[in-house]
Amino acid sequence: KPEDTAMYYCAAGNPARLFFWSDYAYWGQGTQV
């Protein structure tokens, strides 16, 4: 859907909160959709 338009990033870590970006230590550069 058009609302899926975004830069998509992958992240890795041991988060306390699953969908909180600040809880992740490792990130990719992103890929545009």
ModelCIF file with pLDDT and N, C-alpha, C, O atoms, coordinates in Angstrom:
data_MODEL
#
_entry.id   MODEL 
#
_entity.id                         1 
_entity.type                       polymer 
_entity.pdbx_number_of_molecules   1 
#
_entity_poly.entity_id                      1 
_entity_poly.type                           'polypeptide(L)' 
_entity_poly.nstd_linkage                   no 
_entity_poly.nstd_monomer                   no 
_entity_poly.pdbx_seq_one_letter_code       KPEDTAMYYCAAGNPARLFFWSDYAYWGQGTQV 
_entity_poly.pdbx_seq_one_letter_code_can   KPEDTAMYYCAAGNPARLFFWSDYAYWGQGTQV 
_entity_poly.pdbx_strand_id                 A 
#
loop_
_entity_poly_seq.entity_id 
_entity_poly_seq.num 
_entity_poly_seq.mon_id 
_entity_poly_seq.hetero 
1 1  LYS n 
1 2  PRO n 
1 3  GLU n 
1 4  ASP n 
1 5  THR n 
1 6  ALA n 
1 7  MET n 
1 8  TYR n 
1 9  TYR n 
1 10 CYS n 
1 11 ALA n 
1 12 ALA n 
1 13 GLY n 
1 14 ASN n 
1 15 PRO n 
1 16 ALA n 
1 17 ARG n 
1 18 LEU n 
1 19 PHE n 
1 20 PHE n 
1 21 TRP n 
1 22 SER n 
1 23 ASP n 
1 24 TYR n 
1 25 ALA n 
1 26 TYR n 
1 27 TRP n 
1 28 GLY n 
1 29 GLN n 
1 30 GLY n 
1 31 THR n 
1 32 GLN n 
1 33 VAL n 
#
_struct_asym.id          A 
_struct_asym.entity_id   1 
#
loop_
_ma_qa_metric.id 
_ma_qa_metric.mode 
_ma_qa_metric.name 
_ma_qa_metric.software_group_id 
_ma_qa_metric.type 
1 global pLDDT . pLDDT 
2 local  pLDDT . pLDDT 
#
_ma_qa_metric_global.metric_id      1 
_ma_qa_metric_global.metric_value   95.61 
_ma_qa_metric_global.model_id       1 
_ma_qa_metric_global.ordinal_id     1 
#
loop_
_ma_qa_metric_local.label_asym_id 
_ma_qa_metric_local.label_comp_id 
_ma_qa_metric_local.label_seq_id 
_ma_qa_metric_local.metric_id 
_ma_qa_metric_local.metric_value 
_ma_qa_metric_local.model_id 
_ma_qa_metric_local.ordinal_id 
A LYS 1  2 98.00 1 1  
A PRO 2  2 98.00 1 2  
A GLU 3  2 97.00 1 3  
A ASP 4  2 98.00 1 4  
A THR 5  2 98.00 1 5  
A ALA 6  2 98.00 1 6  
A MET 7  2 98.00 1 7  
A TYR 8  2 98.00 1 8  
A TYR 9  2 98.00 1 9  
A CYS 10 2 96.00 1 10 
A ALA 11 2 95.00 1 11 
A ALA 12 2 93.00 1 12 
A GLY 13 2 91.00 1 13 
A ASN 14 2 91.00 1 14 
A PRO 15 2 94.00 1 15 
A ALA 16 2 94.00 1 16 
A ARG 17 2 95.00 1 17 
A LEU 18 2 95.00 1 18 
A PHE 19 2 97.00 1 19 
A PHE 20 2 96.00 1 20 
A TRP 21 2 95.00 1 21 
A SER 22 2 95.00 1 22 
A ASP 23 2 95.00 1 23 
A TYR 24 2 94.00 1 24 
A ALA 25 2 89.00 1 25 
A TYR 26 2 92.00 1 26 
A TRP 27 2 94.00 1 27 
A GLY 28 2 95.00 1 28 
A GLN 29 2 96.00 1 29 
A GLY 30 2 98.00 1 30 
A THR 31 2 98.00 1 31 
A GLN 32 2 98.00 1 32 
A VAL 33 2 98.00 1 33 
#
loop_
_atom_site.group_PDB 
_atom_site.id 
_atom_site.type_symbol 
_atom_site.label_atom_id 
_atom_site.label_alt_id 
_atom_site.label_comp_id 
_atom_site.label_asym_id 
_atom_site.label_entity_id 
_atom_site.label_seq_id 
_atom_site.pdbx_PDB_ins_code 
_atom_site.Cartn_x 
_atom_site.Cartn_y 
_atom_site.Cartn_z 
_atom_site.occupancy 
_atom_site.B_iso_or_equiv 
_atom_site.pdbx_formal_charge 
_atom_site.auth_seq_id 
_atom_site.auth_comp_id 
_atom_site.auth_asym_id 
_atom_site.auth_atom_id 
_atom_site.pdbx_PDB_model_num 
ATOM 1   N N  . LYS A 1 1  ? 0.836  -1.189 0.000  1.00 98.00 ? 1  LYS A N  1 
ATOM 2   C CA . LYS A 1 1  ? 0.000  0.000  0.000  1.00 98.00 ? 1  LYS A CA 1 
ATOM 3   C C  . LYS A 1 1  ? 0.875  1.243  0.000  1.00 98.00 ? 1  LYS A C  1 
ATOM 4   O O  . LYS A 1 1  ? 2.026  1.185  0.431  1.00 98.00 ? 1  LYS A O  1 
ATOM 5   N N  . PRO A 1 2  ? 0.350  2.366  -0.474 1.00 98.00 ? 2  PRO A N  1 
ATOM 6   C CA . PRO A 1 2  ? 1.138  3.602  -0.443 1.00 98.00 ? 2  PRO A CA 1 
ATOM 7   C C  . PRO A 1 2  ? 1.662  3.948  0.944  1.00 98.00 ? 2  PRO A C  1 
ATOM 8   O O  . PRO A 1 2  ? 2.752  4.507  1.066  1.00 98.00 ? 2  PRO A O  1 
ATOM 9   N N  . GLU A 1 3  ? 0.917  3.631  1.981  1.00 97.00 ? 3  GLU A N  1 
ATOM 10  C CA . GLU A 1 3  ? 1.361  3.920  3.336  1.00 97.00 ? 3  GLU A CA 1 
ATOM 11  C C  . GLU A 1 3  ? 2.523  3.052  3.795  1.00 97.00 ? 3  GLU A C  1 
ATOM 12  O O  . GLU A 1 3  ? 3.081  3.291  4.866  1.00 97.00 ? 3  GLU A O  1 
ATOM 13  N N  . ASP A 1 4  ? 2.901  2.047  3.006  1.00 98.00 ? 4  ASP A N  1 
ATOM 14  C CA . ASP A 1 4  ? 4.091  1.259  3.289  1.00 98.00 ? 4  ASP A CA 1 
ATOM 15  C C  . ASP A 1 4  ? 5.363  1.959  2.815  1.00 98.00 ? 4  ASP A C  1 
ATOM 16  O O  . ASP A 1 4  ? 6.468  1.499  3.103  1.00 98.00 ? 4  ASP A O  1 
ATOM 17  N N  . THR A 1 5  ? 5.214  3.046  2.105  1.00 98.00 ? 5  THR A N  1 
ATOM 18  C CA . THR A 1 5  ? 6.370  3.788  1.607  1.00 98.00 ? 5  THR A CA 1 
ATOM 19  C C  . THR A 1 5  ? 7.221  4.288  2.769  1.00 98.00 ? 5  THR A C  1 
ATOM 20  O O  . THR A 1 5  ? 6.728  4.988  3.654  1.00 98.00 ? 5  THR A O  1 
ATOM 21  N N  . ALA A 1 6  ? 8.496  3.925  2.762  1.00 98.00 ? 6  ALA A N  1 
ATOM 22  C CA . ALA A 1 6  ? 9.400  4.293  3.853  1.00 98.00 ? 6  ALA A CA 1 
ATOM 23  C C  . ALA A 1 6  ? 10.796 3.774  3.550  1.00 98.00 ? 6  ALA A C  1 
ATOM 24  O O  . ALA A 1 6  ? 10.999 2.968  2.641  1.00 98.00 ? 6  ALA A O  1 
ATOM 25  N N  . MET A 1 7  ? 11.750 4.254  4.333  1.00 98.00 ? 7  MET A N  1 
ATOM 26  C CA . MET A 1 7  ? 13.062 3.635  4.372  1.00 98.00 ? 7  MET A CA 1 
ATOM 27  C C  . MET A 1 7  ? 12.984 2.480  5.367  1.00 98.00 ? 7  MET A C  1 
ATOM 28  O O  . MET A 1 7  ? 12.572 2.660  6.513  1.00 98.00 ? 7  MET A O  1 
ATOM 29  N N  . TYR A 1 8  ? 13.382 1.305  4.916  1.00 98.00 ? 8  TYR A N  1 
ATOM 30  C CA . TYR A 1 8  ? 13.327 0.123  5.758  1.00 98.00 ? 8  TYR A CA 1 
ATOM 31  C C  . TYR A 1 8  ? 14.717 -0.235 6.263  1.00 98.00 ? 8  TYR A C  1 
ATOM 32  O O  . TYR A 1 8  ? 15.678 -0.279 5.496  1.00 98.00 ? 8  TYR A O  1 
ATOM 33  N N  . TYR A 1 9  ? 14.811 -0.489 7.563  1.00 98.00 ? 9  TYR A N  1 
ATOM 34  C CA . TYR A 1 9  ? 16.071 -0.817 8.211  1.00 98.00 ? 9  TYR A CA 1 
ATOM 35  C C  . TYR A 1 9  ? 15.970 -2.163 8.915  1.00 98.00 ? 9  TYR A C  1 
ATOM 36  O O  . TYR A 1 9  ? 14.911 -2.523 9.429  1.00 98.00 ? 9  TYR A O  1 
ATOM 37  N N  . CYS A 1 10 ? 17.063 -2.900 8.938  1.00 96.00 ? 10 CYS A N  1 
ATOM 38  C CA . CYS A 1 10 ? 17.120 -4.065 9.799  1.00 96.00 ? 10 CYS A CA 1 
ATOM 39  C C  . CYS A 1 10 ? 17.983 -3.739 11.010 1.00 96.00 ? 10 CYS A C  1 
ATOM 40  O O  . CYS A 1 10 ? 18.911 -2.933 10.936 1.00 96.00 ? 10 CYS A O  1 
ATOM 41  N N  . ALA A 1 11 ? 17.658 -4.377 12.112 1.00 95.00 ? 11 ALA A N  1 
ATOM 42  C CA . ALA A 1 11 ? 18.358 -4.138 13.360 1.00 95.00 ? 11 ALA A CA 1 
ATOM 43  C C  . ALA A 1 11 ? 18.538 -5.448 14.109 1.00 95.00 ? 11 ALA A C  1 
ATOM 44  O O  . ALA A 1 11 ? 17.756 -6.384 13.939 1.00 95.00 ? 11 ALA A O  1 
ATOM 45  N N  . ALA A 1 12 ? 19.562 -5.507 14.930 1.00 93.00 ? 12 ALA A N  1 
ATOM 46  C CA . ALA A 1 12 ? 19.846 -6.696 15.723 1.00 93.00 ? 12 ALA A CA 1 
ATOM 47  C C  . ALA A 1 12 ? 20.197 -6.295 17.141 1.00 93.00 ? 12 ALA A C  1 
ATOM 48  O O  . ALA A 1 12 ? 20.816 -5.256 17.372 1.00 93.00 ? 12 ALA A O  1 
ATOM 49  N N  . GLY A 1 13 ? 19.798 -7.125 18.084 1.00 91.00 ? 13 GLY A N  1 
ATOM 50  C CA . GLY A 1 13 ? 20.134 -6.838 19.458 1.00 91.00 ? 13 GLY A CA 1 
ATOM 51  C C  . GLY A 1 13 ? 19.377 -7.708 20.433 1.00 91.00 ? 13 GLY A C  1 
ATOM 52  O O  . GLY A 1 13 ? 18.752 -8.702 20.064 1.00 91.00 ? 13 GLY A O  1 
ATOM 53  N N  . ASN A 1 14 ? 19.448 -7.312 21.670 1.00 91.00 ? 14 ASN A N  1 
ATOM 54  C CA . ASN A 1 14 ? 18.734 -7.970 22.756 1.00 91.00 ? 14 ASN A CA 1 
ATOM 55  C C  . ASN A 1 14 ? 17.827 -6.938 23.409 1.00 91.00 ? 14 ASN A C  1 
ATOM 56  O O  . ASN A 1 14 ? 18.112 -6.471 24.512 1.00 91.00 ? 14 ASN A O  1 
ATOM 57  N N  . PRO A 1 15 ? 16.742 -6.581 22.742 1.00 94.00 ? 15 PRO A N  1 
ATOM 58  C CA . PRO A 1 15 ? 15.907 -5.482 23.220 1.00 94.00 ? 15 PRO A CA 1 
ATOM 59  C C  . PRO A 1 15 ? 15.061 -5.852 24.426 1.00 94.00 ? 15 PRO A C  1 
ATOM 60  O O  . PRO A 1 15 ? 14.614 -6.990 24.569 1.00 94.00 ? 15 PRO A O  1 
ATOM 61  N N  . ALA A 1 16 ? 14.852 -4.875 25.281 1.00 94.00 ? 16 ALA A N  1 
ATOM 62  C CA . ALA A 1 16 ? 13.884 -5.032 26.353 1.00 94.00 ? 16 ALA A CA 1 
ATOM 63  C C  . ALA A 1 16 ? 12.475 -4.863 25.808 1.00 94.00 ? 16 ALA A C  1 
ATOM 64  O O  . ALA A 1 16 ? 11.526 -5.477 26.297 1.00 94.00 ? 16 ALA A O  1 
ATOM 65  N N  . ARG A 1 17 ? 12.352 -4.012 24.774 1.00 95.00 ? 17 ARG A N  1 
ATOM 66  C CA . ARG A 1 17 ? 11.073 -3.745 24.127 1.00 95.00 ? 17 ARG A CA 1 
ATOM 67  C C  . ARG A 1 17 ? 11.232 -3.995 22.636 1.00 95.00 ? 17 ARG A C  1 
ATOM 68  O O  . ARG A 1 17 ? 12.074 -3.375 21.987 1.00 95.00 ? 17 ARG A O  1 
ATOM 69  N N  . LEU A 1 18 ? 10.447 -4.877 22.103 1.00 95.00 ? 18 LEU A N  1 
ATOM 70  C CA . LEU A 1 18 ? 10.666 -5.430 20.777 1.00 95.00 ? 18 LEU A CA 1 
ATOM 71  C C  . LEU A 1 18 ? 10.703 -4.397 19.666 1.00 95.00 ? 18 LEU A C  1 
ATOM 72  O O  . LEU A 1 18 ? 11.565 -4.468 18.790 1.00 95.00 ? 18 LEU A O  1 
ATOM 73  N N  . PHE A 1 19 ? 9.796  -3.448 19.683 1.00 97.00 ? 19 PHE A N  1 
ATOM 74  C CA . PHE A 1 19 ? 9.670  -2.482 18.594 1.00 97.00 ? 19 PHE A CA 1 
ATOM 75  C C  . PHE A 1 19 ? 10.112 -1.076 18.978 1.00 97.00 ? 19 PHE A C  1 
ATOM 76  O O  . PHE A 1 19 ? 9.622  -0.091 18.424 1.00 97.00 ? 19 PHE A O  1 
ATOM 77  N N  . PHE A 1 20 ? 11.029 -0.987 19.917 1.00 96.00 ? 20 PHE A N  1 
ATOM 78  C CA . PHE A 1 20 ? 11.610 0.294  20.299 1.00 96.00 ? 20 PHE A CA 1 
ATOM 79  C C  . PHE A 1 20 ? 13.016 0.385  19.717 1.00 96.00 ? 20 PHE A C  1 
ATOM 80  O O  . PHE A 1 20 ? 13.911 -0.363 20.108 1.00 96.00 ? 20 PHE A O  1 
ATOM 81  N N  . TRP A 1 21 ? 13.199 1.311  18.778 1.00 95.00 ? 21 TRP A N  1 
ATOM 82  C CA . TRP A 1 21 ? 14.469 1.395  18.058 1.00 95.00 ? 21 TRP A CA 1 
ATOM 83  C C  . TRP A 1 21 ? 15.659 1.658  18.965 1.00 95.00 ? 21 TRP A C  1 
ATOM 84  O O  . TRP A 1 21 ? 16.768 1.203  18.684 1.00 95.00 ? 21 TRP A O  1 
ATOM 85  N N  . SER A 1 22 ? 15.437 2.395  20.056 1.00 95.00 ? 22 SER A N  1 
ATOM 86  C CA . SER A 1 22 ? 16.532 2.742  20.953 1.00 95.00 ? 22 SER A CA 1 
ATOM 87  C C  . SER A 1 22 ? 17.073 1.537  21.718 1.00 95.00 ? 22 SER A C  1 
ATOM 88  O O  . SER A 1 22 ? 18.131 1.630  22.341 1.00 95.00 ? 22 SER A O  1 
ATOM 89  N N  . ASP A 1 23 ? 16.369 0.416  21.681 1.00 95.00 ? 23 ASP A N  1 
ATOM 90  C CA . ASP A 1 23 ? 16.814 -0.790 22.381 1.00 95.00 ? 23 ASP A CA 1 
ATOM 91  C C  . ASP A 1 23 ? 17.726 -1.669 21.534 1.00 95.00 ? 23 ASP A C  1 
ATOM 92  O O  . ASP A 1 23 ? 18.181 -2.711 22.005 1.00 95.00 ? 23 ASP A O  1 
ATOM 93  N N  . TYR A 1 24 ? 18.002 -1.270 20.296 1.00 94.00 ? 24 TYR A N  1 
ATOM 94  C CA . TYR A 1 24 ? 18.823 -2.077 19.399 1.00 94.00 ? 24 TYR A CA 1 
ATOM 95  C C  . TYR A 1 24 ? 20.211 -1.482 19.216 1.00 94.00 ? 24 TYR A C  1 
ATOM 96  O O  . TYR A 1 24 ? 20.376 -0.266 19.123 1.00 94.00 ? 24 TYR A O  1 
ATOM 97  N N  . ALA A 1 25 ? 21.204 -2.360 19.166 1.00 89.00 ? 25 ALA A N  1 
ATOM 98  C CA . ALA A 1 25 ? 22.594 -1.924 19.106 1.00 89.00 ? 25 ALA A CA 1 
ATOM 99  C C  . ALA A 1 25 ? 23.150 -1.854 17.688 1.00 89.00 ? 25 ALA A C  1 
ATOM 100 O O  . ALA A 1 25 ? 24.042 -1.049 17.421 1.00 89.00 ? 25 ALA A O  1 
ATOM 101 N N  . TYR A 1 26 ? 22.641 -2.681 16.772 1.00 92.00 ? 26 TYR A N  1 
ATOM 102 C CA . TYR A 1 26 ? 23.205 -2.780 15.436 1.00 92.00 ? 26 TYR A CA 1 
ATOM 103 C C  . TYR A 1 26 ? 22.157 -2.468 14.376 1.00 92.00 ? 26 TYR A C  1 
ATOM 104 O O  . TYR A 1 26 ? 21.014 -2.918 14.459 1.00 92.00 ? 26 TYR A O  1 
ATOM 105 N N  . TRP A 1 27 ? 22.567 -1.689 13.377 1.00 94.00 ? 27 TRP A N  1 
ATOM 106 C CA . TRP A 1 27 ? 21.665 -1.207 12.331 1.00 94.00 ? 27 TRP A CA 1 
ATOM 107 C C  . TRP A 1 27 ? 22.300 -1.265 10.964 1.00 94.00 ? 27 TRP A C  1 
ATOM 108 O O  . TRP A 1 27 ? 23.512 -1.114 10.812 1.00 94.00 ? 27 TRP A O  1 
ATOM 109 N N  . GLY A 1 28 ? 21.448 -1.490 9.961  1.00 95.00 ? 28 GLY A N  1 
ATOM 110 C CA . GLY A 1 28 ? 21.876 -1.361 8.590  1.00 95.00 ? 28 GLY A CA 1 
ATOM 111 C C  . GLY A 1 28 ? 21.686 0.052  8.093  1.00 95.00 ? 28 GLY A C  1 
ATOM 112 O O  . GLY A 1 28 ? 21.241 0.927  8.835  1.00 95.00 ? 28 GLY A O  1 
ATOM 113 N N  . GLN A 1 29 ? 22.028 0.278  6.820  1.00 96.00 ? 29 GLN A N  1 
ATOM 114 C CA . GLN A 1 29 ? 21.966 1.618  6.240  1.00 96.00 ? 29 GLN A CA 1 
ATOM 115 C C  . GLN A 1 29 ? 20.594 1.968  5.681  1.00 96.00 ? 29 GLN A C  1 
ATOM 116 O O  . GLN A 1 29 ? 20.316 3.133  5.398  1.00 96.00 ? 29 GLN A O  1 
ATOM 117 N N  . GLY A 1 30 ? 19.744 0.975  5.522  1.00 98.00 ? 30 GLY A N  1 
ATOM 118 C CA . GLY A 1 30 ? 18.404 1.192  5.016  1.00 98.00 ? 30 GLY A CA 1 
ATOM 119 C C  . GLY A 1 30 ? 18.264 0.925  3.536  1.00 98.00 ? 30 GLY A C  1 
ATOM 120 O O  . GLY A 1 30 ? 19.224 1.045  2.775  1.00 98.00 ? 30 GLY A O  1 
ATOM 121 N N  . THR A 1 31 ? 17.051 0.559  3.129  1.00 98.00 ? 31 THR A N  1 
ATOM 122 C CA . THR A 1 31 ? 16.724 0.387  1.721  1.00 98.00 ? 31 THR A CA 1 
ATOM 123 C C  . THR A 1 31 ? 15.342 0.983  1.482  1.00 98.00 ? 31 THR A C  1 
ATOM 124 O O  . THR A 1 31 ? 14.416 0.751  2.260  1.00 98.00 ? 31 THR A O  1 
ATOM 125 N N  . GLN A 1 32 ? 15.208 1.746  0.412  1.00 98.00 ? 32 GLN A N  1 
ATOM 126 C CA . GLN A 1 32 ? 14.000 2.530  0.183  1.00 98.00 ? 32 GLN A CA 1 
ATOM 127 C C  . GLN A 1 32 ? 12.929 1.715  -0.517 1.00 98.00 ? 32 GLN A C  1 
ATOM 128 O O  . GLN A 1 32 ? 13.189 1.057  -1.524 1.00 98.00 ? 32 GLN A O  1 
ATOM 129 N N  . VAL A 1 33 ? 11.717 1.767  0.028  1.00 98.00 ? 33 VAL A N  1 
ATOM 130 C CA . VAL A 1 33 ? 10.544 1.168  -0.592 1.00 98.00 ? 33 VAL A CA 1 
ATOM 131 C C  . VAL A 1 33 ? 9.551  2.280  -0.897 1.00 98.00 ? 33 VAL A C  1 
ATOM 132 O O  . VAL A 1 33 ? 8.472  2.016  -1.429 1.00 98.00 ? 33 VAL A O  1 
#
